[in-house]
Amino acid sequence: MISDFDRANLDSILVGHGDWFTAHLLRLIAKADPVNRARLRAAFPAEVQAFESWRGDDNARHSVRVSDVA
């Protein structure tokens, strides 16, 4: 589950602030291509959703499903 702090500070986390697990995970999600982001979504749905909301593409999570990449 993503913390309120991480959600509120996503901008600074994505540019390198933070060395905790979720900060590294959010940066990984940002770098992932759609197929790998779908894989990450299977394990970390709240974190991927937070990133997609921050990026402004809330509907992107429907573009690639885990079953499409398994």
N, C-alpha and C. Protein backbone atom coordinates (compact mmCIF):
# COMPACT_ATOMS: atom_id res chain seq x y z
N MET A 1 0.85 -1.18 0.00
CA MET A 1 0.00 0.00 0.00
C MET A 1 0.90 1.25 0.00
N ILE A 2 0.55 2.18 -0.81
CA ILE A 2 1.33 3.41 -0.90
C ILE A 2 0.91 4.36 0.22
N SER A 3 1.90 4.99 0.82
CA SER A 3 1.61 5.89 1.94
C SER A 3 1.12 7.24 1.42
N ASP A 4 0.46 7.99 2.30
CA ASP A 4 0.02 9.35 1.94
C ASP A 4 1.22 10.23 1.61
N PHE A 5 2.33 10.04 2.34
CA PHE A 5 3.54 10.81 2.07
C PHE A 5 4.04 10.54 0.65
N ASP A 6 4.14 9.27 0.29
CA ASP A 6 4.63 8.92 -1.05
C ASP A 6 3.70 9.47 -2.13
N ARG A 7 2.40 9.36 -1.92
CA ARG A 7 1.44 9.87 -2.89
C ARG A 7 1.58 11.39 -3.05
N ALA A 8 1.76 12.10 -1.95
CA ALA A 8 1.85 13.56 -1.98
C ALA A 8 3.19 14.05 -2.54
N ASN A 9 4.21 13.21 -2.49
CA ASN A 9 5.55 13.63 -2.90
C ASN A 9 6.06 12.86 -4.12
N LEU A 10 5.15 12.40 -4.94
CA LEU A 10 5.54 11.59 -6.09
C LEU A 10 6.50 12.32 -7.02
N ASP A 11 6.31 13.62 -7.20
CA ASP A 11 7.23 14.38 -8.06
C ASP A 11 8.67 14.24 -7.61
N SER A 12 8.92 14.50 -6.35
CA SER A 12 10.30 14.45 -5.85
C SER A 12 10.83 13.02 -5.77
N ILE A 13 9.96 12.07 -5.50
CA ILE A 13 10.39 10.66 -5.46
C ILE A 13 10.85 10.22 -6.85
N LEU A 14 10.10 10.58 -7.87
CA LEU A 14 10.44 10.14 -9.23
C LEU A 14 11.73 10.76 -9.75
N VAL A 15 12.15 11.87 -9.20
CA VAL A 15 13.43 12.46 -9.63
C VAL A 15 14.58 12.05 -8.72
N GLY A 16 14.32 11.14 -7.79
CA GLY A 16 15.43 10.59 -7.02
C GLY A 16 15.37 10.71 -5.52
N HIS A 17 14.40 11.44 -4.97
CA HIS A 17 14.32 11.57 -3.52
C HIS A 17 13.87 10.25 -2.90
N GLY A 18 14.54 9.83 -1.88
CA GLY A 18 14.12 8.65 -1.12
C GLY A 18 14.88 7.40 -1.49
N ASP A 19 15.19 6.62 -0.46
CA ASP A 19 15.90 5.36 -0.67
C ASP A 19 15.15 4.18 -0.05
N TRP A 20 13.86 4.37 0.22
CA TRP A 20 13.06 3.28 0.78
C TRP A 20 12.45 2.48 -0.37
N PHE A 21 11.91 1.31 -0.04
CA PHE A 21 11.41 0.37 -1.04
C PHE A 21 10.41 1.01 -1.99
N THR A 22 9.40 1.68 -1.46
CA THR A 22 8.35 2.22 -2.32
C THR A 22 8.89 3.30 -3.26
N ALA A 23 9.87 4.07 -2.81
CA ALA A 23 10.48 5.07 -3.68
C ALA A 23 11.17 4.40 -4.86
N HIS A 24 11.93 3.35 -4.60
CA HIS A 24 12.58 2.61 -5.69
C HIS A 24 11.54 1.95 -6.60
N LEU A 25 10.49 1.41 -6.00
CA LEU A 25 9.43 0.78 -6.77
C LEU A 25 8.74 1.78 -7.69
N LEU A 26 8.42 2.95 -7.20
CA LEU A 26 7.77 3.97 -8.02
C LEU A 26 8.65 4.39 -9.19
N ARG A 27 9.95 4.50 -8.97
CA ARG A 27 10.87 4.84 -10.06
C ARG A 27 10.93 3.70 -11.09
N LEU A 28 10.87 2.46 -10.61
CA LEU A 28 10.84 1.31 -11.51
C LEU A 28 9.56 1.32 -12.35
N ILE A 29 8.44 1.59 -11.72
CA ILE A 29 7.17 1.67 -12.44
C ILE A 29 7.24 2.75 -13.51
N ALA A 30 7.84 3.88 -13.20
CA ALA A 30 7.95 4.97 -14.17
C ALA A 30 8.80 4.58 -15.37
N LYS A 31 9.79 3.72 -15.18
CA LYS A 31 10.67 3.30 -16.26
C LYS A 31 10.11 2.13 -17.07
N ALA A 32 9.15 1.43 -16.53
CA ALA A 32 8.67 0.19 -17.14
C ALA A 32 7.88 0.44 -18.42
N ASP A 33 8.05 -0.46 -19.37
CA ASP A 33 7.22 -0.42 -20.57
C ASP A 33 5.84 -0.98 -20.21
N PRO A 34 4.86 -0.86 -21.09
CA PRO A 34 3.49 -1.30 -20.74
C PRO A 34 3.39 -2.76 -20.30
N VAL A 35 4.14 -3.64 -20.92
CA VAL A 35 4.07 -5.05 -20.55
C VAL A 35 4.59 -5.26 -19.14
N ASN A 36 5.74 -4.69 -18.85
CA ASN A 36 6.31 -4.86 -17.51
C ASN A 36 5.51 -4.09 -16.46
N ARG A 37 4.92 -2.96 -16.85
CA ARG A 37 4.06 -2.25 -15.90
C ARG A 37 2.85 -3.10 -15.54
N ALA A 38 2.32 -3.84 -16.49
CA ALA A 38 1.21 -4.76 -16.20
C ALA A 38 1.64 -5.84 -15.22
N ARG A 39 2.84 -6.33 -15.37
CA ARG A 39 3.36 -7.32 -14.42
C ARG A 39 3.52 -6.71 -13.03
N LEU A 40 4.03 -5.50 -12.97
CA LEU A 40 4.17 -4.83 -11.67
C LEU A 40 2.80 -4.57 -11.05
N ARG A 41 1.82 -4.23 -11.89
CA ARG A 41 0.46 -3.98 -11.40
C ARG A 41 -0.12 -5.20 -10.70
N ALA A 42 0.23 -6.41 -11.17
CA ALA A 42 -0.28 -7.64 -10.56
C ALA A 42 0.16 -7.75 -9.11
N ALA A 43 1.36 -7.29 -8.81
CA ALA A 43 1.89 -7.39 -7.44
C ALA A 43 1.69 -6.11 -6.63
N PHE A 44 1.68 -4.95 -7.29
CA PHE A 44 1.63 -3.66 -6.61
C PHE A 44 0.57 -2.75 -7.25
N PRO A 45 -0.70 -3.14 -7.18
CA PRO A 45 -1.73 -2.36 -7.88
C PRO A 45 -1.88 -0.93 -7.39
N ALA A 46 -1.78 -0.70 -6.10
CA ALA A 46 -1.96 0.67 -5.57
C ALA A 46 -0.84 1.59 -6.03
N GLU A 47 0.37 1.07 -6.09
CA GLU A 47 1.51 1.90 -6.50
C GLU A 47 1.44 2.24 -7.98
N VAL A 48 1.07 1.26 -8.81
CA VAL A 48 0.93 1.53 -10.25
C VAL A 48 -0.22 2.52 -10.48
N GLN A 49 -1.31 2.33 -9.78
CA GLN A 49 -2.45 3.26 -9.92
C GLN A 49 -2.06 4.67 -9.49
N ALA A 50 -1.30 4.80 -8.42
CA ALA A 50 -0.85 6.13 -7.97
C ALA A 50 0.01 6.79 -9.04
N PHE A 51 0.92 6.03 -9.64
CA PHE A 51 1.77 6.57 -10.70
C PHE A 51 0.93 6.99 -11.89
N GLU A 52 0.01 6.13 -12.31
CA GLU A 52 -0.82 6.46 -13.48
C GLU A 52 -1.72 7.66 -13.20
N SER A 53 -2.22 7.79 -11.99
CA SER A 53 -3.02 8.97 -11.63
C SER A 53 -2.17 10.22 -11.67
N TRP A 54 -0.97 10.12 -11.14
CA TRP A 54 -0.03 11.26 -11.14
C TRP A 54 0.28 11.67 -12.58
N ARG A 55 0.47 10.68 -13.44
CA ARG A 55 0.81 10.96 -14.83
C ARG A 55 -0.40 11.40 -15.64
N GLY A 56 -1.58 11.14 -15.12
CA GLY A 56 -2.79 11.60 -15.80
C GLY A 56 -3.37 10.61 -16.77
N ASP A 57 -3.00 9.33 -16.65
CA ASP A 57 -3.55 8.34 -17.56
C ASP A 57 -4.23 7.21 -16.80
N ASP A 58 -5.25 7.57 -16.04
CA ASP A 58 -5.98 6.60 -15.22
C ASP A 58 -6.55 5.46 -16.03
N ASN A 59 -6.83 5.67 -17.29
CA ASN A 59 -7.41 4.60 -18.11
C ASN A 59 -6.35 3.68 -18.71
N ALA A 60 -5.08 4.01 -18.54
CA ALA A 60 -4.01 3.19 -19.11
C ALA A 60 -3.95 1.81 -18.50
N ARG A 61 -4.42 1.64 -17.29
CA ARG A 61 -4.33 0.34 -16.65
C ARG A 61 -5.17 -0.70 -17.36
N HIS A 62 -6.06 -0.27 -18.23
CA HIS A 62 -6.90 -1.21 -18.96
C HIS A 62 -6.27 -1.58 -20.31
N SER A 63 -5.17 -0.96 -20.68
CA SER A 63 -4.61 -1.20 -21.99
C SER A 63 -3.86 -2.52 -22.08
N VAL A 64 -3.18 -2.93 -21.02
CA VAL A 64 -2.45 -4.19 -21.02
C VAL A 64 -2.82 -4.92 -19.73
N ARG A 65 -3.26 -6.17 -19.90
CA ARG A 65 -3.62 -6.97 -18.73
C ARG A 65 -2.54 -8.02 -18.48
N VAL A 66 -2.44 -8.47 -17.26
CA VAL A 66 -1.46 -9.49 -16.92
C VAL A 66 -1.66 -10.74 -17.79
N SER A 67 -2.88 -11.11 -18.06
CA SER A 67 -3.15 -12.28 -18.89
C SER A 67 -2.61 -12.10 -20.32
N ASP A 68 -2.42 -10.85 -20.74
CA ASP A 68 -1.87 -10.59 -22.07
C ASP A 68 -0.38 -10.88 -22.12
N VAL A 69 0.29 -10.86 -20.98
CA VAL A 69 1.75 -10.98 -20.96
C VAL A 69 2.24 -12.24 -20.30
N ALA A 70 1.38 -13.04 -19.75
CA ALA A 70 1.79 -14.23 -19.01
C ALA A 70 2.43 -15.27 -19.88
